[in-house]
Amino acid sequence: MAKLLLLLLVGGALYWWWRKPAPRQTKPRVKPTENMVRCAHCGVHLPQSEAVSGTGVWFCSALHHDEFSARQ
């Protein structure tokens, strides 16, 4: 009987030692918000960091900036 109890204790200790730790509850990372701007040439909306700025207006590409400037 003592051998069985000892075997159960050793088995329980080994199980406790080898088991994987519970995954931690982490908050999802939130990306900072960014202003969206509208291309003055084609009207597409894009993040301000990806836009090309003109004289008070925004463009989705340098090509649209050049075409818009040529029309002015």
N, C-alpha and C. Protein backbone atom coordinates (compact mmCIF):
# COMPACT_ATOMS: atom_id res chain seq x y z
N MET A 1 0.82 -1.19 0.00
CA MET A 1 0.00 0.00 0.00
C MET A 1 0.87 1.26 0.00
N ALA A 2 1.95 1.24 0.75
CA ALA A 2 2.85 2.39 0.81
C ALA A 2 3.53 2.61 -0.53
N LYS A 3 3.84 1.50 -1.23
CA LYS A 3 4.48 1.64 -2.55
C LYS A 3 3.53 2.29 -3.54
N LEU A 4 2.25 1.94 -3.48
CA LEU A 4 1.25 2.53 -4.37
C LEU A 4 1.10 4.02 -4.09
N LEU A 5 1.04 4.38 -2.83
CA LEU A 5 0.93 5.79 -2.45
C LEU A 5 2.17 6.57 -2.91
N LEU A 6 3.35 5.99 -2.73
CA LEU A 6 4.58 6.64 -3.16
C LEU A 6 4.61 6.78 -4.68
N LEU A 7 4.16 5.76 -5.40
CA LEU A 7 4.11 5.81 -6.86
C LEU A 7 3.15 6.90 -7.33
N LEU A 8 2.00 7.02 -6.68
CA LEU A 8 1.05 8.07 -7.03
C LEU A 8 1.62 9.46 -6.75
N LEU A 9 2.31 9.60 -5.64
CA LEU A 9 2.91 10.90 -5.32
C LEU A 9 4.00 11.28 -6.33
N VAL A 10 4.85 10.33 -6.68
CA VAL A 10 5.90 10.59 -7.66
C VAL A 10 5.28 10.89 -9.02
N GLY A 11 4.28 10.12 -9.42
CA GLY A 11 3.59 10.36 -10.70
C GLY A 11 2.92 11.73 -10.72
N GLY A 12 2.27 12.10 -9.63
CA GLY A 12 1.64 13.42 -9.55
C GLY A 12 2.66 14.54 -9.61
N ALA A 13 3.79 14.35 -8.93
CA ALA A 13 4.84 15.37 -8.95
C ALA A 13 5.42 15.52 -10.36
N LEU A 14 5.64 14.40 -11.03
CA LEU A 14 6.16 14.46 -12.40
C LEU A 14 5.15 15.12 -13.34
N TYR A 15 3.89 14.80 -13.20
CA TYR A 15 2.86 15.42 -14.03
C TYR A 15 2.84 16.93 -13.80
N TRP A 16 2.87 17.34 -12.55
CA TRP A 16 2.83 18.76 -12.22
C TRP A 16 4.06 19.48 -12.78
N TRP A 17 5.22 18.82 -12.75
CA TRP A 17 6.45 19.43 -13.21
C TRP A 17 6.50 19.52 -14.74
N TRP A 18 5.96 18.54 -15.46
CA TRP A 18 6.04 18.51 -16.92
C TRP A 18 4.89 19.21 -17.63
N ARG A 19 3.83 19.48 -16.94
CA ARG A 19 2.69 20.08 -17.63
C ARG A 19 3.05 21.47 -18.15
N LYS A 20 2.36 21.88 -19.20
CA LYS A 20 2.62 23.19 -19.80
C LYS A 20 1.98 24.26 -18.94
N PRO A 21 2.65 25.38 -18.80
CA PRO A 21 2.03 26.46 -18.04
C PRO A 21 0.83 27.02 -18.81
N ALA A 22 -0.14 27.49 -18.09
CA ALA A 22 -1.34 28.04 -18.71
C ALA A 22 -0.97 29.29 -19.50
N PRO A 23 -1.57 29.47 -20.67
CA PRO A 23 -1.26 30.68 -21.44
C PRO A 23 -1.74 31.92 -20.69
N ARG A 24 -0.93 32.94 -20.75
CA ARG A 24 -1.27 34.17 -20.05
C ARG A 24 -2.29 34.96 -20.85
N GLN A 25 -3.17 35.60 -20.15
CA GLN A 25 -4.17 36.46 -20.77
C GLN A 25 -3.50 37.80 -21.08
N THR A 26 -3.27 38.07 -22.35
CA THR A 26 -2.66 39.34 -22.74
C THR A 26 -3.66 40.15 -23.54
N LYS A 27 -3.55 41.44 -23.41
CA LYS A 27 -4.42 42.32 -24.18
C LYS A 27 -3.90 42.39 -25.61
N PRO A 28 -4.80 42.38 -26.58
CA PRO A 28 -4.34 42.50 -27.97
C PRO A 28 -3.72 43.89 -28.19
N ARG A 29 -2.68 43.93 -28.99
CA ARG A 29 -2.04 45.20 -29.28
C ARG A 29 -2.92 46.02 -30.20
N VAL A 30 -3.10 47.26 -29.83
CA VAL A 30 -3.94 48.16 -30.61
C VAL A 30 -3.02 49.09 -31.40
N LYS A 31 -3.22 49.11 -32.69
CA LYS A 31 -2.42 50.00 -33.52
C LYS A 31 -2.93 51.43 -33.33
N PRO A 32 -2.03 52.40 -33.31
CA PRO A 32 -2.47 53.78 -33.17
C PRO A 32 -3.27 54.20 -34.41
N THR A 33 -4.27 55.01 -34.18
CA THR A 33 -5.10 55.46 -35.30
C THR A 33 -4.34 56.48 -36.12
N GLU A 34 -4.73 56.59 -37.37
CA GLU A 34 -4.06 57.51 -38.28
C GLU A 34 -5.11 58.22 -39.13
N ASN A 35 -4.85 59.47 -39.44
CA ASN A 35 -5.76 60.23 -40.27
C ASN A 35 -5.79 59.66 -41.69
N MET A 36 -6.99 59.62 -42.26
CA MET A 36 -7.16 59.20 -43.64
C MET A 36 -7.37 60.45 -44.47
N VAL A 37 -6.76 60.49 -45.64
CA VAL A 37 -6.90 61.63 -46.54
C VAL A 37 -7.41 61.14 -47.89
N ARG A 38 -7.96 62.07 -48.66
CA ARG A 38 -8.53 61.74 -49.96
C ARG A 38 -7.64 62.30 -51.05
N CYS A 39 -7.35 61.47 -52.04
CA CYS A 39 -6.56 61.91 -53.19
C CYS A 39 -7.37 62.94 -53.98
N ALA A 40 -6.77 64.10 -54.25
CA ALA A 40 -7.46 65.16 -54.97
C ALA A 40 -7.65 64.82 -56.44
N HIS A 41 -6.93 63.85 -56.96
CA HIS A 41 -7.02 63.48 -58.37
C HIS A 41 -8.05 62.37 -58.60
N CYS A 42 -7.94 61.26 -57.86
CA CYS A 42 -8.82 60.11 -58.13
C CYS A 42 -9.85 59.86 -57.03
N GLY A 43 -9.69 60.47 -55.86
CA GLY A 43 -10.68 60.33 -54.80
C GLY A 43 -10.49 59.15 -53.87
N VAL A 44 -9.44 58.37 -54.04
CA VAL A 44 -9.22 57.22 -53.17
C VAL A 44 -8.76 57.71 -51.80
N HIS A 45 -9.20 57.02 -50.75
CA HIS A 45 -8.79 57.36 -49.39
C HIS A 45 -7.61 56.48 -48.99
N LEU A 46 -6.63 57.09 -48.31
CA LEU A 46 -5.44 56.36 -47.88
C LEU A 46 -4.89 57.00 -46.61
N PRO A 47 -4.07 56.25 -45.85
CA PRO A 47 -3.47 56.83 -44.65
C PRO A 47 -2.58 58.02 -45.00
N GLN A 48 -2.60 59.02 -44.14
CA GLN A 48 -1.84 60.24 -44.40
C GLN A 48 -0.34 59.96 -44.53
N SER A 49 0.16 58.95 -43.82
CA SER A 49 1.59 58.64 -43.88
C SER A 49 2.00 58.09 -45.25
N GLU A 50 1.06 57.55 -46.01
CA GLU A 50 1.37 57.01 -47.34
C GLU A 50 1.06 58.00 -48.46
N ALA A 51 0.47 59.14 -48.12
CA ALA A 51 0.04 60.10 -49.12
C ALA A 51 1.17 61.06 -49.48
N VAL A 52 1.05 61.64 -50.68
CA VAL A 52 1.97 62.67 -51.15
C VAL A 52 1.25 64.00 -50.98
N SER A 53 1.89 64.94 -50.30
CA SER A 53 1.21 66.21 -50.05
C SER A 53 1.51 67.20 -51.16
N GLY A 54 0.48 67.96 -51.49
CA GLY A 54 0.62 69.03 -52.46
C GLY A 54 0.38 70.34 -51.75
N THR A 55 -0.05 71.34 -52.47
CA THR A 55 -0.34 72.64 -51.86
C THR A 55 -1.72 72.60 -51.22
N GLY A 56 -1.77 72.08 -50.02
CA GLY A 56 -3.03 72.00 -49.28
C GLY A 56 -3.89 70.81 -49.63
N VAL A 57 -3.46 69.97 -50.54
CA VAL A 57 -4.22 68.77 -50.92
C VAL A 57 -3.30 67.55 -50.84
N TRP A 58 -3.91 66.37 -50.88
CA TRP A 58 -3.17 65.11 -50.76
C TRP A 58 -3.38 64.27 -52.01
N PHE A 59 -2.39 63.44 -52.31
CA PHE A 59 -2.45 62.57 -53.49
C PHE A 59 -2.00 61.17 -53.11
N CYS A 60 -2.49 60.16 -53.86
CA CYS A 60 -2.13 58.78 -53.58
C CYS A 60 -0.80 58.40 -54.20
N SER A 61 -0.31 59.20 -55.16
CA SER A 61 0.98 58.90 -55.79
C SER A 61 1.58 60.19 -56.34
N ALA A 62 2.86 60.13 -56.64
CA ALA A 62 3.54 61.28 -57.24
C ALA A 62 3.00 61.54 -58.64
N LEU A 63 2.59 60.49 -59.34
CA LEU A 63 2.03 60.64 -60.68
C LEU A 63 0.75 61.48 -60.62
N HIS A 64 -0.13 61.20 -59.67
CA HIS A 64 -1.36 61.98 -59.54
C HIS A 64 -1.05 63.41 -59.13
N HIS A 65 -0.02 63.60 -58.32
CA HIS A 65 0.38 64.96 -57.94
C HIS A 65 0.82 65.74 -59.18
N ASP A 66 1.63 65.10 -60.03
CA ASP A 66 2.12 65.76 -61.24
C ASP A 66 0.99 66.04 -62.22
N GLU A 67 0.07 65.09 -62.40
CA GLU A 67 -1.06 65.30 -63.31
C GLU A 67 -1.97 66.41 -62.81
N PHE A 68 -2.19 66.45 -61.51
CA PHE A 68 -3.04 67.50 -60.93
C PHE A 68 -2.37 68.86 -61.09
N SER A 69 -1.06 68.92 -60.87
CA SER A 69 -0.32 70.18 -61.00
C SER A 69 -0.32 70.66 -62.45
N ALA A 70 -0.26 69.74 -63.40
CA ALA A 70 -0.25 70.10 -64.82
C ALA A 70 -1.59 70.70 -65.25
N ARG A 71 -2.68 70.27 -64.64
CA ARG A 71 -4.00 70.79 -64.98
C ARG A 71 -4.23 72.17 -64.38
N GLN A 72 -3.52 72.52 -63.34
CA GLN A 72 -3.74 73.79 -62.65
C GLN A 72 -3.10 74.92 -63.37
